[in-house]
Every structure is written in structure tokens, then in C-alpha cells.
Amino acid sequence: MKRIPRISESEWTVMEVVWTSAPVTAAEIIEQLGKPMKWKHQTIRTLLARLVKKGALSPEAEGNRYLYRPLFTRDECVGVESDSFLKRMFGGATQPLLVHFASRGELTREELAELKRILNQKGSK
């Protein structure tokens, strides 16, 4: 199984476009991100090249352009980033993370009910 790469915040922005629009060309990514992010064309092309080098994207030649496809799902990459965050900020311990976010954030009744359901399910295993 291939190792899921760690990606930077800027690379994540590019990946979001690829996950929602794949297969997608560099021109299409530039069109979606250039103005809102105030990024130059070359910046986006550099990010694409990094993502290909890291093994997060697959470029497929089609005529005089490339179509980009993700090699990992968004959920797979979220898992890697979540694990990294948990290790860096909370020493890998889930309980302090949950307490931190539950005490700082506003949770709706539905979100609380879902959190309770998940915790009860985990507790019964």
C-alpha cells in the first residue's frame, strides 16, 4: 500500500479542486483558484508539480495538456493530517483533544447527540 503524503495548506487548496473536479487540467485549476487566492499561474503549476512528486496526484497526458487525478481520497488525507495534528498538539491522546474542542466550541444539540452516539459506540467495543 502506498504511503499517503503529508500536504501543505496551499497544496490542500489545490487538492480540494482536484477532489471535486477530477479529472481536471492545470488551466481549470488556475481558473478556479487564481483570482480568489491571488495566486499566479506559475504558483499553481509549482503546487501541482509538488503534489505529483509527493505522489498525491497522477498526471495523465492528453494532447498538449495533462489531466490530474488524486491518488488518495480526501478522507485518506484527512486521516493523515488528523493523526499528525493529534500527535503534535495532544501527544496522540484523543481525550484532551475532545475536551479542548468541546469546551471551546459551540455544539448544537444534534452535534452533541452524534458525539454521544459515537462515544457510546466506542465504549461498547
Protein backbone atom coordinates (compact mmCIF):
# COMPACT_ATOMS: atom_id res chain seq x y z
CA MET A 1 0.00 0.00 0.00
CA LYS A 2 1.32 3.45 -0.91
CA ARG A 3 2.11 5.90 1.86
CA ILE A 4 -0.29 8.83 1.97
CA PRO A 5 1.78 12.03 1.71
CA ARG A 6 1.60 14.99 4.06
CA ILE A 7 0.49 18.05 2.12
CA SER A 8 0.84 21.74 2.94
CA GLU A 9 -2.05 24.15 3.37
CA SER A 10 -1.56 25.58 -0.13
CA GLU A 11 -1.34 22.11 -1.63
CA TRP A 12 -4.52 21.19 0.23
CA THR A 13 -6.32 24.06 -1.53
CA VAL A 14 -5.27 22.63 -4.90
CA MET A 15 -6.27 19.11 -3.83
CA GLU A 16 -9.78 20.34 -2.91
CA VAL A 17 -10.28 21.39 -6.54
CA VAL A 18 -8.92 18.07 -7.82
CA TRP A 19 -11.09 16.03 -5.43
CA THR A 20 -14.24 17.83 -6.56
CA SER A 21 -13.45 18.15 -10.28
CA ALA A 22 -11.18 15.26 -11.32
CA PRO A 23 -10.04 14.70 -13.92
CA VAL A 24 -9.02 18.35 -14.14
CA THR A 25 -6.46 20.32 -16.15
CA ALA A 26 -3.99 22.85 -14.78
CA ALA A 27 -5.88 25.56 -16.69
CA GLU A 28 -9.12 24.60 -14.93
CA ILE A 29 -7.40 24.67 -11.54
CA ILE A 30 -5.86 28.06 -12.35
CA GLU A 31 -9.30 29.34 -13.36
CA GLN A 32 -10.83 28.22 -10.07
CA LEU A 33 -8.02 29.36 -7.76
CA GLY A 34 -6.08 32.13 -9.48
CA LYS A 35 -8.28 35.12 -8.66
CA PRO A 36 -9.77 34.03 -5.31
CA MET A 37 -6.38 33.02 -3.90
CA LYS A 38 -4.49 35.80 -5.73
CA TRP A 39 -2.03 33.18 -6.94
CA LYS A 40 -0.07 33.49 -10.17
CA HIS A 41 -0.31 30.73 -12.78
CA GLN A 42 3.23 29.59 -12.02
CA THR A 43 2.44 29.25 -8.31
CA ILE A 44 -0.37 26.80 -9.08
CA ARG A 45 1.79 24.90 -11.56
CA THR A 46 4.52 24.63 -8.91
CA LEU A 47 2.00 23.29 -6.39
CA LEU A 48 0.79 20.73 -8.96
CA ALA A 49 4.38 19.63 -9.62
CA ARG A 50 4.98 19.20 -5.87
CA LEU A 51 1.81 17.15 -5.47
CA VAL A 52 2.83 14.91 -8.38
CA LYS A 53 6.33 14.49 -6.89
CA LYS A 54 4.84 13.62 -3.47
CA GLY A 55 2.61 11.02 -5.11
CA ALA A 56 -0.67 12.74 -4.28
CA LEU A 57 -1.63 13.42 -7.91
CA SER A 58 -1.39 11.45 -11.11
CA PRO A 59 -0.82 13.44 -14.31
CA GLU A 60 -2.14 11.86 -17.49
CA ALA A 61 -1.08 13.34 -20.83
CA GLU A 62 -3.95 14.24 -23.11
CA GLY A 63 -2.76 16.03 -26.22
CA ASN A 64 -0.81 19.09 -25.16
CA ARG A 65 -2.17 19.15 -21.60
CA TYR A 66 -2.30 17.00 -18.50
CA LEU A 67 -5.33 15.73 -16.66
CA TYR A 68 -4.79 15.47 -12.91
CA ARG A 69 -6.40 12.83 -10.72
CA PRO A 70 -5.97 12.29 -6.99
CA LEU A 71 -4.20 9.11 -5.93
CA PHE A 72 -5.81 9.26 -2.48
CA THR A 73 -9.27 10.20 -1.31
CA ARG A 74 -9.93 13.30 0.74
CA ASP A 75 -10.84 11.07 3.70
CA GLU A 76 -7.50 9.26 3.50
CA CYS A 77 -5.62 12.58 3.54
CA VAL A 78 -7.79 13.93 6.36
CA GLY A 79 -6.84 10.85 8.37
CA VAL A 80 -3.11 11.52 7.92
CA GLU A 81 -3.49 15.19 8.81
CA SER A 82 -5.71 14.39 11.82
CA ASP A 83 -3.24 11.85 13.17
CA SER A 84 -0.37 14.31 12.74
CA PHE A 85 -2.31 17.08 14.50
CA LEU A 86 -3.29 14.76 17.35
CA LYS A 87 0.33 13.68 17.86
CA ARG A 88 1.78 17.20 17.65
CA MET A 89 -0.79 19.05 19.76
CA PHE A 90 -2.02 16.41 22.22
CA GLY A 91 0.74 13.81 22.33
CA GLY A 92 -1.51 11.36 20.49
CA ALA A 93 -4.17 11.37 23.24
CA THR A 94 -7.74 11.71 21.99
CA GLN A 95 -9.41 12.64 25.28
CA PRO A 96 -7.65 16.01 25.74
CA LEU A 97 -8.42 16.89 22.11
CA LEU A 98 -12.13 16.17 22.57
CA VAL A 99 -12.27 18.10 25.84
CA HIS A 100 -10.45 21.04 24.26
CA PHE A 101 -12.77 21.35 21.28
CA ALA A 102 -15.96 20.54 23.17
CA SER A 103 -15.23 23.21 25.79
CA ARG A 104 -14.16 25.90 23.29
CA GLY A 105 -16.67 25.39 20.51
CA GLU A 106 -20.41 25.79 20.26
CA LEU A 107 -22.08 22.45 19.63
CA THR A 108 -25.68 22.08 18.52
CA ARG A 109 -27.97 19.51 20.12
CA GLU A 110 -27.61 17.38 17.00
CA GLU A 111 -23.81 17.55 17.15
CA LEU A 112 -23.84 16.66 20.85
CA ALA A 113 -26.17 13.74 20.18
CA GLU A 114 -23.88 12.49 17.38
CA LEU A 115 -20.81 12.84 19.60
CA LYS A 116 -22.55 10.92 22.40
CA ARG A 117 -23.58 8.20 19.93
CA ILE A 118 -20.01 7.81 18.68
CA LEU A 119 -18.57 7.75 22.20
CA ASN A 120 -21.16 5.18 23.34
CA GLN A 121 -20.39 3.06 20.30
CA LYS A 122 -16.65 3.26 21.04
CA GLY A 123 -17.30 2.41 24.69
CA SER A 124 -19.23 -0.73 23.84
CA LYS A 125 -16.36 -2.23 21.80
